Amino acid sequence: MRDERQAFYPIYVADVEKRASTLLRTGTKMNHDVTCSREGLLAFRAQVDQWDQVYVAKLKEPKP
C-alpha cells in the first residue's frame, strides 16, 4: 500500500511582511519547479494522469 501523502507537495504563498503563509489549493499533486514573478504570476509543474503539466496563474491581491 502506498502512502499518497508523500506524493503531494503543497505550495504555500508567503507574506514576509506579515510573517504568514497560506496554502495554495491547486488540486494537483507532485508540484515542483515553482516560480513567481514580481507581478504575482505563479508557474509550476504538476503530475496529472502520470504526465507533467505546466500551470500558470495570477495570484490575487490580498483584501485590505
PDB file of N, CA and C in Angstrom:
ATOM      1  N   MET A   1       0.844  -1.181   0.000  1.00  0.00           N
ATOM      2  CA  MET A   1       0.000   0.000   0.000  1.00  0.00           C
ATOM      3  C   MET A   1       0.892   1.248   0.000  1.00  0.00           C
ATOM      4  N   ARG A   2       0.561   2.174  -0.842  1.00  0.00           N
ATOM      5  CA  ARG A   2       1.348   3.391  -0.993  1.00  0.00           C
ATOM      6  C   ARG A   2       0.791   4.518  -0.140  1.00  0.00           C
ATOM      7  N   ASP A   3       1.661   5.325   0.428  1.00  0.00           N
ATOM      8  CA  ASP A   3       1.240   6.492   1.199  1.00  0.00           C
ATOM      9  C   ASP A   3       1.114   7.667   0.234  1.00  0.00           C
ATOM     10  N   GLU A   4      -0.106   7.982  -0.164  1.00  0.00           N
ATOM     11  CA  GLU A   4      -0.339   9.044  -1.154  1.00  0.00           C
ATOM     12  C   GLU A   4       0.069  10.425  -0.644  1.00  0.00           C
ATOM     13  N   ARG A   5       0.134  10.609   0.663  1.00  0.00           N
ATOM     14  CA  ARG A   5       0.529  11.919   1.186  1.00  0.00           C
ATOM     15  C   ARG A   5       1.941  12.273   0.766  1.00  0.00           C
ATOM     16  N   GLN A   6       2.796  11.286   0.548  1.00  0.00           N
ATOM     17  CA  GLN A   6       4.157  11.551   0.113  1.00  0.00           C
ATOM     18  C   GLN A   6       4.194  12.081  -1.314  1.00  0.00           C
ATOM     19  N   ALA A   7       3.160  11.833  -2.093  1.00  0.00           N
ATOM     20  CA  ALA A   7       3.122  12.275  -3.485  1.00  0.00           C
ATOM     21  C   ALA A   7       2.591  13.698  -3.620  1.00  0.00           C
ATOM     22  N   PHE A   8       2.122  14.284  -2.530  1.00  0.00           N
ATOM     23  CA  PHE A   8       1.542  15.621  -2.585  1.00  0.00           C
ATOM     24  C   PHE A   8       2.537  16.624  -2.033  1.00  0.00           C
ATOM     25  N   TYR A   9       2.988  17.539  -2.874  1.00  0.00           N
ATOM     26  CA  TYR A   9       3.903  18.584  -2.447  1.00  0.00           C
ATOM     27  C   TYR A   9       3.155  19.904  -2.494  1.00  0.00           C
ATOM     28  N   PRO A  10       2.651  20.364  -1.339  1.00  0.00           N
ATOM     29  CA  PRO A  10       1.828  21.576  -1.331  1.00  0.00           C
ATOM     30  C   PRO A  10       2.642  22.820  -1.681  1.00  0.00           C
ATOM     31  N   ILE A  11       1.945  23.826  -2.171  1.00  0.00           N
ATOM     32  CA  ILE A  11       2.552  25.122  -2.482  1.00  0.00           C
ATOM     33  C   ILE A  11       1.975  26.131  -1.495  1.00  0.00           C
ATOM     34  N   TYR A  12       2.855  26.869  -0.852  1.00  0.00           N
ATOM     35  CA  TYR A  12       2.439  27.912   0.076  1.00  0.00           C
ATOM     36  C   TYR A  12       2.871  29.263  -0.460  1.00  0.00           C
ATOM     37  N   VAL A  13       2.031  30.270  -0.257  1.00  0.00           N
ATOM     38  CA  VAL A  13       2.367  31.648  -0.604  1.00  0.00           C
ATOM     39  C   VAL A  13       2.740  32.333   0.703  1.00  0.00           C
ATOM     40  N   ALA A  14       3.929  32.907   0.756  1.00  0.00           N
ATOM     41  CA  ALA A  14       4.421  33.536   1.976  1.00  0.00           C
ATOM     42  C   ALA A  14       4.329  35.054   1.885  1.00  0.00           C
ATOM     43  N   ASP A  15       3.855  35.664   2.953  1.00  0.00           N
ATOM     44  CA  ASP A  15       3.843  37.111   3.093  1.00  0.00           C
ATOM     45  C   ASP A  15       4.925  37.444   4.105  1.00  0.00           C
ATOM     46  N   VAL A  16       6.069  37.910   3.631  1.00  0.00           N
ATOM     47  CA  VAL A  16       7.204  38.127   4.514  1.00  0.00           C
ATOM     48  C   VAL A  16       6.976  39.290   5.476  1.00  0.00           C
ATOM     49  N   GLU A  17       6.194  40.280   5.059  1.00  0.00           N
ATOM     50  CA  GLU A  17       5.919  41.411   5.942  1.00  0.00           C
ATOM     51  C   GLU A  17       5.045  40.991   7.119  1.00  0.00           C
ATOM     52  N   LYS A  18       4.049  40.166   6.869  1.00  0.00           N
ATOM     53  CA  LYS A  18       3.139  39.713   7.928  1.00  0.00           C
ATOM     54  C   LYS A  18       3.639  38.444   8.622  1.00  0.00           C
ATOM     55  N   ARG A  19       4.712  37.860   8.064  1.00  0.00           N
ATOM     56  CA  ARG A  19       5.257  36.601   8.597  1.00  0.00           C
ATOM     57  C   ARG A  19       4.166  35.527   8.663  1.00  0.00           C
ATOM     58  N   ALA A  20       3.461  35.388   7.549  1.00  0.00           N
ATOM     59  CA  ALA A  20       2.377  34.408   7.461  1.00  0.00           C
ATOM     60  C   ALA A  20       2.463  33.689   6.120  1.00  0.00           C
ATOM     61  N   SER A  21       1.898  32.490   6.081  1.00  0.00           N
ATOM     62  CA  SER A  21       1.836  31.748   4.825  1.00  0.00           C
ATOM     63  C   SER A  21       0.436  31.180   4.636  1.00  0.00           C
ATOM     64  N   THR A  22       0.068  30.999   3.368  1.00  0.00           N
ATOM     65  CA  THR A  22      -1.246  30.491   3.016  1.00  0.00           C
ATOM     66  C   THR A  22      -1.081  29.342   2.039  1.00  0.00           C
ATOM     67  N   LEU A  23      -1.779  28.259   2.301  1.00  0.00           N
ATOM     68  CA  LEU A  23      -1.749  27.106   1.400  1.00  0.00           C
ATOM     69  C   LEU A  23      -2.482  27.458   0.116  1.00  0.00           C
ATOM     70  N   LEU A  24      -1.845  27.216  -1.003  1.00  0.00           N
ATOM     71  CA  LEU A  24      -2.456  27.434  -2.312  1.00  0.00           C
ATOM     72  C   LEU A  24      -3.089  26.108  -2.739  1.00  0.00           C
ATOM     73  N   ARG A  25      -4.373  26.053  -2.812  1.00  0.00           N
ATOM     74  CA  ARG A  25      -5.087  24.821  -3.161  1.00  0.00           C
ATOM     75  C   ARG A  25      -5.113  24.671  -4.681  1.00  0.00           C
ATOM     76  N   THR A  26      -4.307  23.749  -5.178  1.00  0.00           N
ATOM     77  CA  THR A  26      -4.161  23.576  -6.619  1.00  0.00           C
ATOM     78  C   THR A  26      -4.967  22.402  -7.156  1.00  0.00           C
ATOM     79  N   GLY A  27      -5.291  21.446  -6.286  1.00  0.00           N
ATOM     80  CA  GLY A  27      -5.973  20.244  -6.752  1.00  0.00           C
ATOM     81  C   GLY A  27      -5.046  19.303  -7.504  1.00  0.00           C
ATOM     82  N   THR A  28      -3.746  19.583  -7.437  1.00  0.00           N
ATOM     83  CA  THR A  28      -2.751  18.766  -8.129  1.00  0.00           C
ATOM     84  C   THR A  28      -1.836  18.114  -7.105  1.00  0.00           C
ATOM     85  N   LYS A  29      -1.019  17.172  -7.581  1.00  0.00           N
ATOM     86  CA  LYS A  29      -0.006  16.593  -6.718  1.00  0.00           C
ATOM     87  C   LYS A  29       1.309  16.556  -7.482  1.00  0.00           C
ATOM     88  N   MET A  30       2.354  16.245  -6.764  1.00  0.00           N
ATOM     89  CA  MET A  30       3.701  16.242  -7.342  1.00  0.00           C
ATOM     90  C   MET A  30       4.046  17.619  -7.920  1.00  0.00           C
ATOM     91  N   ASN A  31       3.690  18.677  -7.181  1.00  0.00           N
ATOM     92  CA  ASN A  31       4.008  20.041  -7.601  1.00  0.00           C
ATOM     93  C   ASN A  31       5.514  20.272  -7.480  1.00  0.00           C
ATOM     94  N   HIS A  32       6.109  20.867  -8.498  1.00  0.00           N
ATOM     95  CA  HIS A  32       7.536  21.153  -8.453  1.00  0.00           C
ATOM     96  C   HIS A  32       7.882  22.255  -9.433  1.00  0.00           C
ATOM     97  N   ASP A  33       9.127  22.704  -9.355  1.00  0.00           N
ATOM     98  CA  ASP A  33       9.627  23.782 -10.212  1.00  0.00           C
ATOM     99  C   ASP A  33       8.750  25.025 -10.122  1.00  0.00           C
ATOM    100  N   VAL A  34       8.462  25.441  -8.897  1.00  0.00           N
ATOM    101  CA  VAL A  34       7.597  26.600  -8.645  1.00  0.00           C
ATOM    102  C   VAL A  34       8.400  27.880  -8.809  1.00  0.00           C
ATOM    103  N   THR A  35       7.805  28.849  -9.489  1.00  0.00           N
ATOM    104  CA  THR A  35       8.425  30.165  -9.635  1.00  0.00           C
ATOM    105  C   THR A  35       7.334  31.229  -9.620  1.00  0.00           C
ATOM    106  N   CYS A  36       7.701  32.423  -9.170  1.00  0.00           N
ATOM    107  CA  CYS A  36       6.727  33.517  -9.097  1.00  0.00           C
ATOM    108  C   CYS A  36       7.406  34.812  -9.534  1.00  0.00           C
ATOM    109  N   SER A  37       6.710  35.582 -10.359  1.00  0.00           N
ATOM    110  CA  SER A  37       7.259  36.855 -10.815  1.00  0.00           C
ATOM    111  C   SER A  37       6.934  37.953  -9.805  1.00  0.00           C
ATOM    112  N   ARG A  38       7.567  39.086  -9.941  1.00  0.00           N
ATOM    113  CA  ARG A  38       7.286  40.232  -9.070  1.00  0.00           C
ATOM    114  C   ARG A  38       5.855  40.736  -9.238  1.00  0.00           C
ATOM    115  N   GLU A  39       5.280  40.472 -10.393  1.00  0.00           N
ATOM    116  CA  GLU A  39       3.909  40.900 -10.677  1.00  0.00           C
ATOM    117  C   GLU A  39       2.870  39.923 -10.124  1.00  0.00           C
ATOM    118  N   GLY A  40       3.311  38.841  -9.487  1.00  0.00           N
ATOM    119  CA  GLY A  40       2.381  37.880  -8.890  1.00  0.00           C
ATOM    120  C   GLY A  40       1.942  36.767  -9.817  1.00  0.00           C
ATOM    121  N   LEU A  41       2.687  36.527 -10.882  1.00  0.00           N
ATOM    122  CA  LEU A  41       2.374  35.436 -11.792  1.00  0.00           C
ATOM    123  C   LEU A  41       3.109  34.188 -11.307  1.00  0.00           C
ATOM    124  N   LEU A  42       2.345  33.141 -11.015  1.00  0.00           N
ATOM    125  CA  LEU A  42       2.893  31.909 -10.477  1.00  0.00           C
ATOM    126  C   LEU A  42       2.898  30.837 -11.554  1.00  0.00           C
ATOM    127  N   ALA A  43       3.983  30.085 -11.647  1.00  0.00           N
ATOM    128  CA  ALA A  43       4.068  28.975 -12.598  1.00  0.00           C
ATOM    129  C   ALA A  43       4.671  27.776 -11.871  1.00  0.00           C
ATOM    130  N   PHE A  44       4.150  26.581 -12.181  1.00  0.00           N
ATOM    131  CA  PHE A  44       4.689  25.361 -11.591  1.00  0.00           C
ATOM    132  C   PHE A  44       4.318  24.172 -12.456  1.00  0.00           C
ATOM    133  N   ARG A  45       5.028  23.072 -12.248  1.00  0.00           N
ATOM    134  CA  ARG A  45       4.701  21.820 -12.928  1.00  0.00           C
ATOM    135  C   ARG A  45       4.042  20.898 -11.917  1.00  0.00           C
ATOM    136  N   ALA A  46       3.113  20.079 -12.402  1.00  0.00           N
ATOM    137  CA  ALA A  46       2.438  19.107 -11.545  1.00  0.00           C
ATOM    138  C   ALA A  46       2.109  17.866 -12.356  1.00  0.00           C
ATOM    139  N   GLN A  47       2.094  16.750 -11.667  1.00  0.00           N
ATOM    140  CA  GLN A  47       1.784  15.497 -12.339  1.00  0.00           C
ATOM    141  C   GLN A  47       0.268  15.291 -12.385  1.00  0.00           C
ATOM    142  N   VAL A  48      -0.240  15.034 -13.581  1.00  0.00           N
ATOM    143  CA  VAL A  48      -1.660  14.761 -13.790  1.00  0.00           C
ATOM    144  C   VAL A  48      -1.750  13.544 -14.703  1.00  0.00           C
ATOM    145  N   ASP A  49      -2.403  12.501 -14.222  1.00  0.00           N
ATOM    146  CA  ASP A  49      -2.532  11.264 -15.007  1.00  0.00           C
ATOM    147  C   ASP A  49      -1.183  10.781 -15.535  1.00  0.00           C
ATOM    148  N   GLN A  50      -0.179  10.791 -14.675  1.00  0.00           N
ATOM    149  CA  GLN A  50       1.170  10.318 -14.950  1.00  0.00           C
ATOM    150  C   GLN A  50       1.936  11.175 -15.959  1.00  0.00           C
ATOM    151  N   TRP A  51       1.435  12.363 -16.277  1.00  0.00           N
ATOM    152  CA  TRP A  51       2.133  13.282 -17.175  1.00  0.00           C
ATOM    153  C   TRP A  51       2.329  14.604 -16.456  1.00  0.00           C
ATOM    154  N   ASP A  52       3.429  15.274 -16.721  1.00  0.00           N
ATOM    155  CA  ASP A  52       3.645  16.604 -16.155  1.00  0.00           C
ATOM    156  C   ASP A  52       2.904  17.642 -16.985  1.00  0.00           C
ATOM    157  N   GLN A  53       2.228  18.532 -16.289  1.00  0.00           N
ATOM    158  CA  GLN A  53       1.522  19.655 -16.904  1.00  0.00           C
ATOM    159  C   GLN A  53       2.100  20.939 -16.310  1.00  0.00           C
ATOM    160  N   VAL A  54       2.105  22.013 -17.076  1.00  0.00           N
ATOM    161  CA  VAL A  54       2.560  23.306 -16.594  1.00  0.00           C
ATOM    162  C   VAL A  54       1.339  24.161 -16.297  1.00  0.00           C
ATOM    163  N   TYR A  55       1.327  24.769 -15.114  1.00  0.00           N
ATOM    164  CA  TYR A  55       0.226  25.628 -14.691  1.00  0.00           C
ATOM    165  C   TYR A  55       0.744  27.032 -14.484  1.00  0.00           C
ATOM    166  N   VAL A  56      -0.043  28.004 -14.904  1.00  0.00           N
ATOM    167  CA  VAL A  56       0.289  29.422 -14.723  1.00  0.00           C
ATOM    168  C   VAL A  56      -0.957  30.096 -14.183  1.00  0.00           C
ATOM    169  N   ALA A  57      -0.786  30.914 -13.131  1.00  0.00           N
ATOM    170  CA  ALA A  57      -1.926  31.601 -12.518  1.00  0.00           C
ATOM    171  C   ALA A  57      -1.479  32.947 -11.958  1.00  0.00           C
ATOM    172  N   LYS A  58      -2.396  33.867 -11.943  1.00  0.00           N
ATOM    173  CA  LYS A  58      -2.157  35.177 -11.343  1.00  0.00           C
ATOM    174  C   LYS A  58      -2.631  35.111  -9.905  1.00  0.00           C
ATOM    175  N   LEU A  59      -1.729  35.420  -8.960  1.00  0.00           N
ATOM    176  CA  LEU A  59      -2.116  35.438  -7.563  1.00  0.00           C
ATOM    177  C   LEU A  59      -2.989  36.646  -7.286  1.00  0.00           C
ATOM    178  N   LYS A  60      -4.032  36.448  -6.500  1.00  0.00           N
ATOM    179  CA  LYS A  60      -4.927  37.560  -6.167  1.00  0.00           C
ATOM    180  C   LYS A  60      -4.263  38.489  -5.178  1.00  0.00           C
ATOM    181  N   GLU A  61      -4.598  39.770  -5.308  1.00  0.00           N
ATOM    182  CA  GLU A  61      -4.115  40.750  -4.342  1.00  0.00           C
ATOM    183  C   GLU A  61      -4.889  40.539  -3.041  1.00  0.00           C
ATOM    184  N   PRO A  62      -4.201  40.628  -1.901  1.00  0.00           N
ATOM    185  CA  PRO A  62      -4.915  40.468  -0.633  1.00  0.00           C
ATOM    186  C   PRO A  62      -5.907  41.602  -0.403  1.00  0.00           C
ATOM    187  N   LYS A  63      -7.010  41.272   0.255  1.00  0.00           N
ATOM    188  CA  LYS A  63      -8.016  42.296   0.567  1.00  0.00           C
ATOM    189  C   LYS A  63      -7.505  43.158   1.724  1.00  0.00           C
ATOM    190  N   PRO A  64      -7.703  44.484   1.624  1.00  0.00           N
ATOM    191  CA  PRO A  64      -7.207  45.381   2.702  1.00  0.00           C
ATOM    192  C   PRO A  64      -7.978  45.209   3.986  1.00  0.00           C
TER     193      PRO A  64
END
